[in-house]
């Protein structure tokens, strides 16, 4: 997510600059229909900026910190964790539950121990 945020914000800023410059040039040449179109696009860009909610707890989502090994599928739609018994199970469970409650993912736990249920 950090990479996505680092790319998304500068790209959105570039789009806003291009739309603003295009609208300014259109205004100078009295092309009001272009100004209107660019203004609507600017409003959409600002709406995206306001509604954009990057996952704030992504720094917690690092396998070395969690003490687990992570495998990612080629399409990035499936992530599998192999969590060792010495890992901080409570922290992992809290992170996964919080992400699911925030609507970022769905998770399923399989082959879990009593320690996982107690965490």
PDB file of N, CA and C in Angstrom:
ATOM      1  N   UNK A   1       0.797  -1.192   0.000  1.00  0.00           N
ATOM      2  CA  UNK A   1       0.000   0.000   0.000  1.00  0.00           C
ATOM      3  C   UNK A   1       0.849   1.270   0.000  1.00  0.00           C
ATOM      4  N   UNK A   2       2.004   1.212   0.658  1.00  0.00           N
ATOM      5  CA  UNK A   2       2.840   2.396   0.674  1.00  0.00           C
ATOM      6  C   UNK A   2       3.270   2.756  -0.736  1.00  0.00           C
ATOM      7  N   UNK A   3       3.598   1.746  -1.552  1.00  0.00           N
ATOM      8  CA  UNK A   3       3.996   2.010  -2.930  1.00  0.00           C
ATOM      9  C   UNK A   3       2.817   2.596  -3.685  1.00  0.00           C
ATOM     10  N   UNK A   4       1.629   2.023  -3.475  1.00  0.00           N
ATOM     11  CA  UNK A   4       0.444   2.516  -4.161  1.00  0.00           C
ATOM     12  C   UNK A   4       0.187   3.972  -3.789  1.00  0.00           C
ATOM     13  N   UNK A   5       0.342   4.332  -2.525  1.00  0.00           N
ATOM     14  CA  UNK A   5       0.138   5.710  -2.096  1.00  0.00           C
ATOM     15  C   UNK A   5       1.215   6.623  -2.662  1.00  0.00           C
ATOM     16  N   UNK A   6       2.457   6.147  -2.699  1.00  0.00           N
ATOM     17  CA  UNK A   6       3.562   6.955  -3.213  1.00  0.00           C
ATOM     18  C   UNK A   6       3.402   7.226  -4.700  1.00  0.00           C
ATOM     19  N   UNK A   7       2.698   6.374  -5.401  1.00  0.00           N
ATOM     20  CA  UNK A   7       2.462   6.574  -6.829  1.00  0.00           C
ATOM     21  C   UNK A   7       1.163   7.345  -7.049  1.00  0.00           C
ATOM     22  N   UNK A   8       0.136   7.028  -6.290  1.00  0.00           N
ATOM     23  CA  UNK A   8      -1.188   7.609  -6.518  1.00  0.00           C
ATOM     24  C   UNK A   8      -1.215   9.113  -6.274  1.00  0.00           C
ATOM     25  N   UNK A   9      -0.644   9.568  -5.185  1.00  0.00           N
ATOM     26  CA  UNK A   9      -0.710  10.993  -4.881  1.00  0.00           C
ATOM     27  C   UNK A   9       0.040  11.853  -5.901  1.00  0.00           C
ATOM     28  N   UNK A  10       1.280  11.517  -6.281  1.00  0.00           N
ATOM     29  CA  UNK A  10       1.934  12.329  -7.317  1.00  0.00           C
ATOM     30  C   UNK A  10       1.212  12.281  -8.661  1.00  0.00           C
ATOM     31  N   UNK A  11       0.660  11.117  -9.027  1.00  0.00           N
ATOM     32  CA  UNK A  11      -0.087  11.040 -10.288  1.00  0.00           C
ATOM     33  C   UNK A  11      -1.338  11.897 -10.233  1.00  0.00           C
ATOM     34  N   UNK A  12      -2.028  11.861  -9.104  1.00  0.00           N
ATOM     35  CA  UNK A  12      -3.212  12.701  -8.957  1.00  0.00           C
ATOM     36  C   UNK A  12      -2.827  14.183  -9.020  1.00  0.00           C
ATOM     37  N   UNK A  13      -1.715  14.543  -8.407  1.00  0.00           N
ATOM     38  CA  UNK A  13      -1.248  15.937  -8.463  1.00  0.00           C
ATOM     39  C   UNK A  13      -0.912  16.342  -9.898  1.00  0.00           C
ATOM     40  N   UNK A  14      -0.287  15.442 -10.652  1.00  0.00           N
ATOM     41  CA  UNK A  14       0.032  15.734 -12.054  1.00  0.00           C
ATOM     42  C   UNK A  14      -1.238  15.915 -12.877  1.00  0.00           C
ATOM     43  N   UNK A  15      -2.229  15.086 -12.636  1.00  0.00           N
ATOM     44  CA  UNK A  15      -3.503  15.210 -13.346  1.00  0.00           C
ATOM     45  C   UNK A  15      -4.150  16.554 -13.035  1.00  0.00           C
ATOM     46  N   UNK A  16      -4.118  16.954 -11.775  1.00  0.00           N
ATOM     47  CA  UNK A  16      -4.710  18.238 -11.378  1.00  0.00           C
ATOM     48  C   UNK A  16      -3.983  19.393 -12.060  1.00  0.00           C
ATOM     49  N   UNK A  17      -2.667  19.338 -12.116  1.00  0.00           N
ATOM     50  CA  UNK A  17      -1.893  20.406 -12.772  1.00  0.00           C
ATOM     51  C   UNK A  17      -2.236  20.470 -14.258  1.00  0.00           C
ATOM     52  N   UNK A  18      -2.294  19.322 -14.923  1.00  0.00           N
ATOM     53  CA  UNK A  18      -2.609  19.293 -16.357  1.00  0.00           C
ATOM     54  C   UNK A  18      -4.018  19.827 -16.608  1.00  0.00           C
ATOM     55  N   UNK A  19      -4.982  19.402 -15.799  1.00  0.00           N
ATOM     56  CA  UNK A  19      -6.358  19.877 -15.968  1.00  0.00           C
ATOM     57  C   UNK A  19      -6.451  21.386 -15.731  1.00  0.00           C
ATOM     58  N   UNK A  20      -5.732  21.883 -14.738  1.00  0.00           N
ATOM     59  CA  UNK A  20      -5.757  23.317 -14.435  1.00  0.00           C
ATOM     60  C   UNK A  20      -5.130  24.119 -15.570  1.00  0.00           C
ATOM     61  N   UNK A  21      -3.998  23.664 -16.077  1.00  0.00           N
ATOM     62  CA  UNK A  21      -3.347  24.379 -17.195  1.00  0.00           C
ATOM     63  C   UNK A  21      -4.221  24.370 -18.440  1.00  0.00           C
ATOM     64  N   UNK A  22      -4.824  23.231 -18.721  1.00  0.00           N
ATOM     65  CA  UNK A  22      -5.694  23.131 -19.891  1.00  0.00           C
ATOM     66  C   UNK A  22      -6.897  24.057 -19.744  1.00  0.00           C
ATOM     67  N   UNK A  23      -7.475  24.112 -18.561  1.00  0.00           N
ATOM     68  CA  UNK A  23      -8.605  25.008 -18.326  1.00  0.00           C
ATOM     69  C   UNK A  23      -8.190  26.471 -18.457  1.00  0.00           C
ATOM     70  N   UNK A  24      -7.001  26.814 -17.981  1.00  0.00           N
ATOM     71  CA  UNK A  24      -6.519  28.197 -18.076  1.00  0.00           C
ATOM     72  C   UNK A  24      -6.317  28.616 -19.534  1.00  0.00           C
ATOM     73  N   UNK A  25      -5.729  27.725 -20.324  1.00  0.00           N
ATOM     74  CA  UNK A  25      -5.516  28.030 -21.744  1.00  0.00           C
ATOM     75  C   UNK A  25      -6.863  28.138 -22.461  1.00  0.00           C
ATOM     76  N   UNK A  26      -7.785  27.242 -22.142  1.00  0.00           N
ATOM     77  CA  UNK A  26      -9.109  27.288 -22.759  1.00  0.00           C
ATOM     78  C   UNK A  26      -9.841  28.578 -22.385  1.00  0.00           C
ATOM     79  N   UNK A  27      -9.683  29.004 -21.134  1.00  0.00           N
ATOM     80  CA  UNK A  27     -10.313  30.254 -20.695  1.00  0.00           C
ATOM     81  C   UNK A  27      -9.759  31.444 -21.471  1.00  0.00           C
ATOM     82  N   UNK A  28      -8.458  31.424 -21.685  1.00  0.00           N
ATOM     83  CA  UNK A  28      -7.812  32.515 -22.419  1.00  0.00           C
ATOM     84  C   UNK A  28      -8.331  32.602 -23.849  1.00  0.00           C
ATOM     85  N   UNK A  29      -8.602  31.440 -24.453  1.00  0.00           N
ATOM     86  CA  UNK A  29      -9.085  31.403 -25.835  1.00  0.00           C
ATOM     87  C   UNK A  29     -10.613  31.360 -25.914  1.00  0.00           C
ATOM     88  N   UNK A  30     -11.252  31.639 -24.805  1.00  0.00           N
ATOM     89  CA  UNK A  30     -12.710  31.722 -24.717  1.00  0.00           C
ATOM     90  C   UNK A  30     -13.415  30.436 -25.169  1.00  0.00           C
ATOM     91  N   UNK A  31     -12.845  29.323 -24.786  1.00  0.00           N
ATOM     92  CA  UNK A  31     -13.448  28.011 -25.078  1.00  0.00           C
ATOM     93  C   UNK A  31     -14.116  27.514 -23.793  1.00  0.00           C
ATOM     94  N   UNK A  32     -15.269  28.073 -23.513  1.00  0.00           N
ATOM     95  CA  UNK A  32     -15.959  27.808 -22.257  1.00  0.00           C
ATOM     96  C   UNK A  32     -16.349  26.342 -22.082  1.00  0.00           C
ATOM     97  N   UNK A  33     -16.667  25.647 -23.179  1.00  0.00           N
ATOM     98  CA  UNK A  33     -17.053  24.237 -23.056  1.00  0.00           C
ATOM     99  C   UNK A  33     -15.884  23.381 -22.566  1.00  0.00           C
ATOM    100  N   UNK A  34     -14.686  23.728 -22.975  1.00  0.00           N
ATOM    101  CA  UNK A  34     -13.505  23.000 -22.498  1.00  0.00           C
ATOM    102  C   UNK A  34     -13.257  23.328 -21.027  1.00  0.00           C
ATOM    103  N   UNK A  35     -13.443  24.583 -20.660  1.00  0.00           N
ATOM    104  CA  UNK A  35     -13.277  24.984 -19.254  1.00  0.00           C
ATOM    105  C   UNK A  35     -14.261  24.216 -18.379  1.00  0.00           C
ATOM    106  N   UNK A  36     -15.499  24.082 -18.841  1.00  0.00           N
ATOM    107  CA  UNK A  36     -16.508  23.350 -18.083  1.00  0.00           C
ATOM    108  C   UNK A  36     -16.108  21.880 -17.927  1.00  0.00           C
ATOM    109  N   UNK A  37     -15.665  21.273 -19.014  1.00  0.00           N
ATOM    110  CA  UNK A  37     -15.245  19.867 -18.973  1.00  0.00           C
ATOM    111  C   UNK A  37     -14.065  19.677 -18.021  1.00  0.00           C
ATOM    112  N   UNK A  38     -13.085  20.540 -18.101  1.00  0.00           N
ATOM    113  CA  UNK A  38     -11.909  20.435 -17.234  1.00  0.00           C
ATOM    114  C   UNK A  38     -12.292  20.698 -15.774  1.00  0.00           C
ATOM    115  N   UNK A  39     -13.219  21.595 -15.541  1.00  0.00           N
ATOM    116  CA  UNK A  39     -13.663  21.872 -14.174  1.00  0.00           C
ATOM    117  C   UNK A  39     -14.348  20.657 -13.566  1.00  0.00           C
ATOM    118  N   UNK A  40     -15.169  19.977 -14.353  1.00  0.00           N
ATOM    119  CA  UNK A  40     -15.810  18.756 -13.861  1.00  0.00           C
ATOM    120  C   UNK A  40     -14.765  17.686 -13.546  1.00  0.00           C
ATOM    121  N   UNK A  41     -13.771  17.554 -14.413  1.00  0.00           N
ATOM    122  CA  UNK A  41     -12.704  16.581 -14.163  1.00  0.00           C
ATOM    123  C   UNK A  41     -11.912  16.951 -12.905  1.00  0.00           C
ATOM    124  N   UNK A  42     -11.685  18.231 -12.686  1.00  0.00           N
ATOM    125  CA  UNK A  42     -11.000  18.679 -11.470  1.00  0.00           C
ATOM    126  C   UNK A  42     -11.821  18.342 -10.229  1.00  0.00           C
ATOM    127  N   UNK A  43     -13.128  18.526 -10.311  1.00  0.00           N
ATOM    128  CA  UNK A  43     -13.987  18.172  -9.178  1.00  0.00           C
ATOM    129  C   UNK A  43     -13.903  16.681  -8.876  1.00  0.00           C
ATOM    130  N   UNK A  44     -13.866  15.852  -9.906  1.00  0.00           N
ATOM    131  CA  UNK A  44     -13.719  14.412  -9.700  1.00  0.00           C
ATOM    132  C   UNK A  44     -12.374  14.080  -9.070  1.00  0.00           C
ATOM    133  N   UNK A  45     -11.314  14.755  -9.507  1.00  0.00           N
ATOM    134  CA  UNK A  45      -9.987  14.520  -8.937  1.00  0.00           C
ATOM    135  C   UNK A  45      -9.956  14.913  -7.461  1.00  0.00           C
ATOM    136  N   UNK A  46     -10.577  16.027  -7.120  1.00  0.00           N
ATOM    137  CA  UNK A  46     -10.619  16.445  -5.716  1.00  0.00           C
ATOM    138  C   UNK A  46     -11.483  15.503  -4.884  1.00  0.00           C
ATOM    139  N   UNK A  47     -12.564  15.008  -5.475  1.00  0.00           N
ATOM    140  CA  UNK A  47     -13.398  14.034  -4.765  1.00  0.00           C
ATOM    141  C   UNK A  47     -12.604  12.765  -4.470  1.00  0.00           C
ATOM    142  N   UNK A  48     -11.813  12.322  -5.437  1.00  0.00           N
ATOM    143  CA  UNK A  48     -10.958  11.145  -5.222  1.00  0.00           C
ATOM    144  C   UNK A  48      -9.967  11.409  -4.100  1.00  0.00           C
ATOM    145  N   UNK A  49      -9.391  12.582  -4.091  1.00  0.00           N
ATOM    146  CA  UNK A  49      -8.430  12.937  -3.052  1.00  0.00           C
ATOM    147  C   UNK A  49      -9.079  12.919  -1.666  1.00  0.00           C
ATOM    148  N   UNK A  50     -10.301  13.416  -1.579  1.00  0.00           N
ATOM    149  CA  UNK A  50     -10.995  13.460  -0.293  1.00  0.00           C
ATOM    150  C   UNK A  50     -11.404  12.055   0.143  1.00  0.00           C
ATOM    151  N   UNK A  51     -11.859  11.231  -0.793  1.00  0.00           N
ATOM    152  CA  UNK A  51     -12.361   9.904  -0.450  1.00  0.00           C
ATOM    153  C   UNK A  51     -11.267   8.861  -0.315  1.00  0.00           C
ATOM    154  N   UNK A  52     -10.066   9.112  -0.809  1.00  0.00           N
ATOM    155  CA  UNK A  52      -8.973   8.140  -0.786  1.00  0.00           C
ATOM    156  C   UNK A  52      -8.602   7.837   0.656  1.00  0.00           C
ATOM    157  N   UNK A  53      -8.717   6.565   1.052  1.00  0.00           N
ATOM    158  CA  UNK A  53      -8.367   6.165   2.407  1.00  0.00           C
ATOM    159  C   UNK A  53      -7.334   5.041   2.341  1.00  0.00           C
ATOM    160  N   UNK A  54      -6.061   5.394   2.266  1.00  0.00           N
ATOM    161  CA  UNK A  54      -5.054   4.329   2.261  1.00  0.00           C
ATOM    162  C   UNK A  54      -5.060   3.594   3.588  1.00  0.00           C
ATOM    163  N   UNK A  55      -4.676   2.348   3.544  1.00  0.00           N
ATOM    164  CA  UNK A  55      -4.646   1.551   4.759  1.00  0.00           C
ATOM    165  C   UNK A  55      -3.594   2.123   5.690  1.00  0.00           C
ATOM    166  N   UNK A  56      -4.016   2.605   6.831  1.00  0.00           N
ATOM    167  CA  UNK A  56      -3.114   3.321   7.738  1.00  0.00           C
ATOM    168  C   UNK A  56      -2.197   2.412   8.529  1.00  0.00           C
ATOM    169  N   UNK A  57      -2.514   1.145   8.643  1.00  0.00           N
ATOM    170  CA  UNK A  57      -1.742   0.251   9.490  1.00  0.00           C
ATOM    171  C   UNK A  57      -0.837  -0.662   8.670  1.00  0.00           C
ATOM    172  N   UNK A  58      -0.498  -0.227   7.457  1.00  0.00           N
ATOM    173  CA  UNK A  58       0.272  -1.089   6.571  1.00  0.00           C
ATOM    174  C   UNK A  58       1.666  -1.371   7.124  1.00  0.00           C
ATOM    175  N   UNK A  59       2.207  -0.470   7.930  1.00  0.00           N
ATOM    176  CA  UNK A  59       3.534  -0.722   8.487  1.00  0.00           C
ATOM    177  C   UNK A  59       3.527  -1.919   9.424  1.00  0.00           C
ATOM    178  N   UNK A  60       2.360  -2.263   9.987  1.00  0.00           N
ATOM    179  CA  UNK A  60       2.254  -3.450  10.828  1.00  0.00           C
ATOM    180  C   UNK A  60       2.249  -4.732   9.999  1.00  0.00           C
ATOM    181  N   UNK A  61       1.965  -4.587   8.728  1.00  0.00           N
ATOM    182  CA  UNK A  61       1.738  -5.741   7.866  1.00  0.00           C
ATOM    183  C   UNK A  61       3.042  -6.180   7.192  1.00  0.00           C
ATOM    184  N   UNK A  62       4.061  -6.369   7.981  1.00  0.00           N
ATOM    185  CA  UNK A  62       5.364  -6.787   7.474  1.00  0.00           C
ATOM    186  C   UNK A  62       5.693  -8.149   8.065  1.00  0.00           C
ATOM    187  N   UNK A  63       5.927  -9.174   7.235  1.00  0.00           N
ATOM    188  CA  UNK A  63       6.178 -10.517   7.756  1.00  0.00           C
ATOM    189  C   UNK A  63       7.301 -10.614   8.782  1.00  0.00           C
ATOM    190  N   UNK A  64       8.453  -9.939   8.614  1.00  0.00           N
ATOM    191  CA  UNK A  64       9.480 -10.077   9.658  1.00  0.00           C
ATOM    192  C   UNK A  64       8.991  -9.575  11.017  1.00  0.00           C
ATOM    193  N   UNK A  65       8.213  -8.499  11.009  1.00  0.00           N
ATOM    194  CA  UNK A  65       7.695  -7.959  12.254  1.00  0.00           C
ATOM    195  C   UNK A  65       6.678  -8.910  12.877  1.00  0.00           C
ATOM    196  N   UNK A  66       5.874  -9.529  12.032  1.00  0.00           N
ATOM    197  CA  UNK A  66       4.871 -10.460  12.518  1.00  0.00           C
ATOM    198  C   UNK A  66       5.466 -11.820  12.858  1.00  0.00           C
ATOM    199  N   UNK A  67       6.665 -12.081  12.419  1.00  0.00           N
ATOM    200  CA  UNK A  67       7.299 -13.361  12.692  1.00  0.00           C
ATOM    201  C   UNK A  67       6.766 -14.493  11.844  1.00  0.00           C
ATOM    202  N   UNK A  68       6.286 -14.170  10.660  1.00  0.00           N
ATOM    203  CA  UNK A  68       5.707 -15.191   9.797  1.00  0.00           C
ATOM    204  C   UNK A  68       6.287 -15.098   8.396  1.00  0.00           C
ATOM    205  N   UNK A  69       6.078 -16.164   7.633  1.00  0.00           N
ATOM    206  CA  UNK A  69       6.508 -16.171   6.239  1.00  0.00           C
ATOM    207  C   UNK A  69       5.284 -15.906   5.373  1.00  0.00           C
ATOM    208  N   UNK A  70       5.445 -15.093   4.334  1.00  0.00           N
ATOM    209  CA  UNK A  70       4.322 -14.710   3.497  1.00  0.00           C
ATOM    210  C   UNK A  70       4.560 -15.159   2.064  1.00  0.00           C
ATOM    211  N   UNK A  71       3.545 -15.751   1.445  1.00  0.00           N
ATOM    212  CA  UNK A  71       3.571 -16.102   0.028  1.00  0.00           C
ATOM    213  C   UNK A  71       2.458 -15.332  -0.657  1.00  0.00           C
ATOM    214  N   UNK A  72       2.779 -14.707  -1.805  1.00  0.00           N
ATOM    215  CA  UNK A  72       1.800 -13.914  -2.531  1.00  0.00           C
ATOM    216  C   UNK A  72       1.559 -14.561  -3.882  1.00  0.00           C
ATOM    217  N   UNK A  73       0.283 -14.724  -4.243  1.00  0.00           N
ATOM    218  CA  UNK A  73      -0.067 -15.286  -5.544  1.00  0.00           C
ATOM    219  C   UNK A  73       0.293 -14.287  -6.636  1.00  0.00           C
ATOM    220  N   UNK A  74       0.426 -14.778  -7.856  1.00  0.00           N
ATOM    221  CA  UNK A  74       0.862 -13.939  -8.972  1.00  0.00           C
ATOM    222  C   UNK A  74      -0.061 -12.747  -9.197  1.00  0.00           C
ATOM    223  N   UNK A  75      -1.342 -12.910  -8.994  1.00  0.00           N
ATOM    224  CA  UNK A  75      -2.275 -11.809  -9.228  1.00  0.00           C
ATOM    225  C   UNK A  75      -2.508 -10.956  -7.979  1.00  0.00           C
ATOM    226  N   UNK A  76      -1.811 -11.243  -6.900  1.00  0.00           N
ATOM    227  CA  UNK A  76      -1.870 -10.490  -5.645  1.00  0.00           C
ATOM    228  C   UNK A  76      -3.255 -10.505  -5.003  1.00  0.00           C
ATOM    229  N   UNK A  77      -4.090 -11.454  -5.378  1.00  0.00           N
ATOM    230  CA  UNK A  77      -5.405 -11.530  -4.769  1.00  0.00           C
ATOM    231  C   UNK A  77      -5.449 -12.573  -3.661  1.00  0.00           C
ATOM    232  N   UNK A  78      -4.374 -13.317  -3.502  1.00  0.00           N
ATOM    233  CA  UNK A  78      -4.319 -14.321  -2.455  1.00  0.00           C
ATOM    234  C   UNK A  78      -2.963 -14.226  -1.766  1.00  0.00           C
ATOM    235  N   UNK A  79      -2.996 -14.078  -0.472  1.00  0.00           N
ATOM    236  CA  UNK A  79      -1.778 -14.022   0.324  1.00  0.00           C
ATOM    237  C   UNK A  79      -1.892 -15.106   1.381  1.00  0.00           C
ATOM    238  N   UNK A  80      -0.845 -15.916   1.516  1.00  0.00           N
ATOM    239  CA  UNK A  80      -0.850 -16.995   2.508  1.00  0.00           C
ATOM    240  C   UNK A  80       0.261 -16.747   3.517  1.00  0.00           C
ATOM    241  N   UNK A  81      -0.064 -16.897   4.792  1.00  0.00           N
ATOM    242  CA  UNK A  81       0.906 -16.748   5.863  1.00  0.00           C
ATOM    243  C   UNK A  81       1.163 -18.100   6.498  1.00  0.00           C
ATOM    244  N   UNK A  82       2.419 -18.355   6.785  1.00  0.00           N
ATOM    245  CA  UNK A  82       2.798 -19.499   7.598  1.00  0.00           C
ATOM    246  C   UNK A  82       3.306 -18.903   8.903  1.00  0.00           C
ATOM    247  N   UNK A  83       2.498 -18.997   9.922  1.00  0.00           N
ATOM    248  CA  UNK A  83       2.799 -18.339  11.189  1.00  0.00           C
ATOM    249  C   UNK A  83       3.395 -19.362  12.152  1.00  0.00           C
ATOM    250  N   UNK A  84       4.644 -19.182  12.576  1.00  0.00           N
ATOM    251  CA  UNK A  84       5.251 -20.115  13.525  1.00  0.00           C
ATOM    252  C   UNK A  84       4.652 -19.956  14.926  1.00  0.00           C
ATOM    253  N   UNK A  85       4.829 -20.946  15.733  1.00  0.00           N
ATOM    254  CA  UNK A  85       4.260 -20.940  17.085  1.00  0.00           C
ATOM    255  C   UNK A  85       4.840 -19.826  17.954  1.00  0.00           C
ATOM    256  N   UNK A  86       6.044 -19.351  17.655  1.00  0.00           N
ATOM    257  CA  UNK A  86       6.680 -18.315  18.475  1.00  0.00           C
ATOM    258  C   UNK A  86       6.266 -16.902  18.065  1.00  0.00           C
ATOM    259  N   UNK A  87       5.438 -16.774  17.044  1.00  0.00           N
ATOM    260  CA  UNK A  87       5.023 -15.448  16.566  1.00  0.00           C
ATOM    261  C   UNK A  87       4.056 -14.806  17.559  1.00  0.00           C
ATOM    262  N   UNK A  88       3.897 -13.493  17.417  1.00  0.00           N
ATOM    263  CA  UNK A  88       2.967 -12.743  18.262  1.00  0.00           C
ATOM    264  C   UNK A  88       1.557 -12.951  17.727  1.00  0.00           C
ATOM    265  N   UNK A  89       0.912 -14.017  18.151  1.00  0.00           N
ATOM    266  CA  UNK A  89      -0.379 -14.399  17.601  1.00  0.00           C
ATOM    267  C   UNK A  89      -1.460 -13.354  17.867  1.00  0.00           C
ATOM    268  N   UNK A  90      -1.453 -12.762  19.024  1.00  0.00           N
ATOM    269  CA  UNK A  90      -2.442 -11.735  19.332  1.00  0.00           C
ATOM    270  C   UNK A  90      -2.347 -10.546  18.402  1.00  0.00           C
ATOM    271  N   UNK A  91      -1.121 -10.130  18.123  1.00  0.00           N
ATOM    272  CA  UNK A  91      -0.904  -8.983  17.228  1.00  0.00           C
ATOM    273  C   UNK A  91      -1.330  -9.312  15.800  1.00  0.00           C
ATOM    274  N   UNK A  92      -1.010 -10.523  15.354  1.00  0.00           N
ATOM    275  CA  UNK A  92      -1.388 -10.940  14.007  1.00  0.00           C
ATOM    276  C   UNK A  92      -2.908 -11.025  13.895  1.00  0.00           C
ATOM    277  N   UNK A  93      -3.531 -11.629  14.871  1.00  0.00           N
ATOM    278  CA  UNK A  93      -4.987 -11.783  14.856  1.00  0.00           C
ATOM    279  C   UNK A  93      -5.679 -10.421  14.889  1.00  0.00           C
ATOM    280  N   UNK A  94      -5.172  -9.501  15.703  1.00  0.00           N
ATOM    281  CA  UNK A  94      -5.734  -8.151  15.766  1.00  0.00           C
ATOM    282  C   UNK A  94      -5.616  -7.444  14.430  1.00  0.00           C
ATOM    283  N   UNK A  95      -4.451  -7.532  13.806  1.00  0.00           N
ATOM    284  CA  UNK A  95      -4.235  -6.889  12.515  1.00  0.00           C
ATOM    285  C   UNK A  95      -5.173  -7.446  11.450  1.00  0.00           C
ATOM    286  N   UNK A  96      -5.292  -8.762  11.379  1.00  0.00           N
ATOM    287  CA  UNK A  96      -6.161  -9.377  10.378  1.00  0.00           C
ATOM    288  C   UNK A  96      -7.624  -9.014  10.623  1.00  0.00           C
ATOM    289  N   UNK A  97      -8.038  -9.019  11.871  1.00  0.00           N
ATOM    290  CA  UNK A  97      -9.423  -8.677  12.206  1.00  0.00           C
ATOM    291  C   UNK A  97      -9.719  -7.217  11.895  1.00  0.00           C
ATOM    292  N   UNK A  98      -8.784  -6.336  12.248  1.00  0.00           N
ATOM    293  CA  UNK A  98      -8.971  -4.904  11.989  1.00  0.00           C
ATOM    294  C   UNK A  98      -9.056  -4.631  10.489  1.00  0.00           C
ATOM    295  N   UNK A  99      -8.214  -5.279   9.695  1.00  0.00           N
ATOM    296  CA  UNK A  99      -8.263  -5.103   8.243  1.00  0.00           C
ATOM    297  C   UNK A  99      -9.564  -5.605   7.642  1.00  0.00           C
ATOM    298  N   UNK A 100     -10.069  -6.706   8.181  1.00  0.00           N
ATOM    299  CA  UNK A 100     -11.349  -7.230   7.686  1.00  0.00           C
ATOM    300  C   UNK A 100     -12.501  -6.297   8.073  1.00  0.00           C
ATOM    301  N   UNK A 101     -12.486  -5.775   9.298  1.00  0.00           N
ATOM    302  CA  UNK A 101     -13.527  -4.838   9.737  1.00  0.00           C
ATOM    303  C   UNK A 101     -13.504  -3.549   8.931  1.00  0.00           C
ATOM    304  N   UNK A 102     -12.312  -3.114   8.508  1.00  0.00           N
ATOM    305  CA  UNK A 102     -12.183  -1.903   7.704  1.00  0.00           C
ATOM    306  C   UNK A 102     -12.508  -2.149   6.235  1.00  0.00           C
ATOM    307  N   UNK A 103     -12.767  -3.401   5.867  1.00  0.00           N
ATOM    308  CA  UNK A 103     -13.138  -3.721   4.493  1.00  0.00           C
ATOM    309  C   UNK A 103     -11.970  -3.896   3.540  1.00  0.00           C
ATOM    310  N   UNK A 104     -10.768  -4.114   4.078  1.00  0.00           N
ATOM    311  CA  UNK A 104      -9.595  -4.249   3.216  1.00  0.00           C
ATOM    312  C   UNK A 104      -9.400  -5.672   2.733  1.00  0.00           C
ATOM    313  N   UNK A 105      -9.845  -6.649   3.465  1.00  0.00           N
ATOM    314  CA  UNK A 105      -9.675  -8.035   3.065  1.00  0.00           C
ATOM    315  C   UNK A 105     -10.609  -8.928   3.855  1.00  0.00           C
ATOM    316  N   UNK A 106     -10.623 -10.162   3.432  1.00  0.00           N
ATOM    317  CA  UNK A 106     -11.294 -11.229   4.161  1.00  0.00           C
ATOM    318  C   UNK A 106     -10.209 -12.229   4.510  1.00  0.00           C
ATOM    319  N   UNK A 107     -10.253 -12.795   5.689  1.00  0.00           N
ATOM    320  CA  UNK A 107      -9.232 -13.790   6.000  1.00  0.00           C
ATOM    321  C   UNK A 107      -9.876 -15.035   6.576  1.00  0.00           C
ATOM    322  N   UNK A 108      -9.191 -16.116   6.361  1.00  0.00           N
ATOM    323  CA  UNK A 108      -9.593 -17.395   6.921  1.00  0.00           C
ATOM    324  C   UNK A 108      -8.371 -18.016   7.570  1.00  0.00           C
ATOM    325  N   UNK A 109      -8.564 -18.594   8.736  1.00  0.00           N
ATOM    326  CA  UNK A 109      -7.473 -19.266   9.441  1.00  0.00           C
ATOM    327  C   UNK A 109      -7.713 -20.768   9.376  1.00  0.00           C
ATOM    328  N   UNK A 110      -6.695 -21.484   8.989  1.00  0.00           N
ATOM    329  CA  UNK A 110      -6.828 -22.942   8.928  1.00  0.00           C
ATOM    330  C   UNK A 110      -5.643 -23.580   9.637  1.00  0.00           C
ATOM    331  N   UNK A 111      -5.813 -24.793  10.083  1.00  0.00           N
ATOM    332  CA  UNK A 111      -4.773 -25.521  10.816  1.00  0.00           C
ATOM    333  C   UNK A 111      -4.262 -24.692  11.992  1.00  0.00           C
ATOM    334  N   UNK A 112      -5.196 -24.155  12.774  1.00  0.00           N
ATOM    335  CA  UNK A 112      -4.812 -23.309  13.904  1.00  0.00           C
ATOM    336  C   UNK A 112      -4.733 -24.128  15.187  1.00  0.00           C
ATOM    337  N   UNK A 113      -3.983 -23.606  16.104  1.00  0.00           N
ATOM    338  CA  UNK A 113      -3.791 -24.272  17.394  1.00  0.00           C
ATOM    339  C   UNK A 113      -4.678 -23.616  18.459  1.00  0.00           C
ATOM    340  N   UNK A 114      -4.641 -24.187  19.636  1.00  0.00           N
ATOM    341  CA  UNK A 114      -5.378 -23.582  20.762  1.00  0.00           C
ATOM    342  C   UNK A 114      -4.809 -22.209  21.089  1.00  0.00           C
ATOM    343  N   UNK A 115      -3.503 -22.024  20.886  1.00  0.00           N
ATOM    344  CA  UNK A 115      -2.885 -20.711  21.144  1.00  0.00           C
ATOM    345  C   UNK A 115      -3.490 -19.633  20.241  1.00  0.00           C
ATOM    346  N   UNK A 116      -3.827 -19.989  19.015  1.00  0.00           N
ATOM    347  CA  UNK A 116      -4.449 -19.025  18.097  1.00  0.00           C
ATOM    348  C   UNK A 116      -5.841 -18.650  18.620  1.00  0.00           C
ATOM    349  N   UNK A 117      -6.614 -19.638  19.036  1.00  0.00           N
ATOM    350  CA  UNK A 117      -7.950 -19.373  19.551  1.00  0.00           C
ATOM    351  C   UNK A 117      -7.898 -18.547  20.833  1.00  0.00           C
ATOM    352  N   UNK A 118      -6.868 -18.749  21.645  1.00  0.00           N
ATOM    353  CA  UNK A 118      -6.742 -18.027  22.911  1.00  0.00           C
ATOM    354  C   UNK A 118      -6.215 -16.600  22.738  1.00  0.00           C
ATOM    355  N   UNK A 119      -5.588 -16.332  21.596  1.00  0.00           N
ATOM    356  CA  UNK A 119      -4.961 -15.020  21.365  1.00  0.00           C
ATOM    357  C   UNK A 119      -6.011 -13.928  21.186  1.00  0.00           C
TER     358      UNK A 119
END
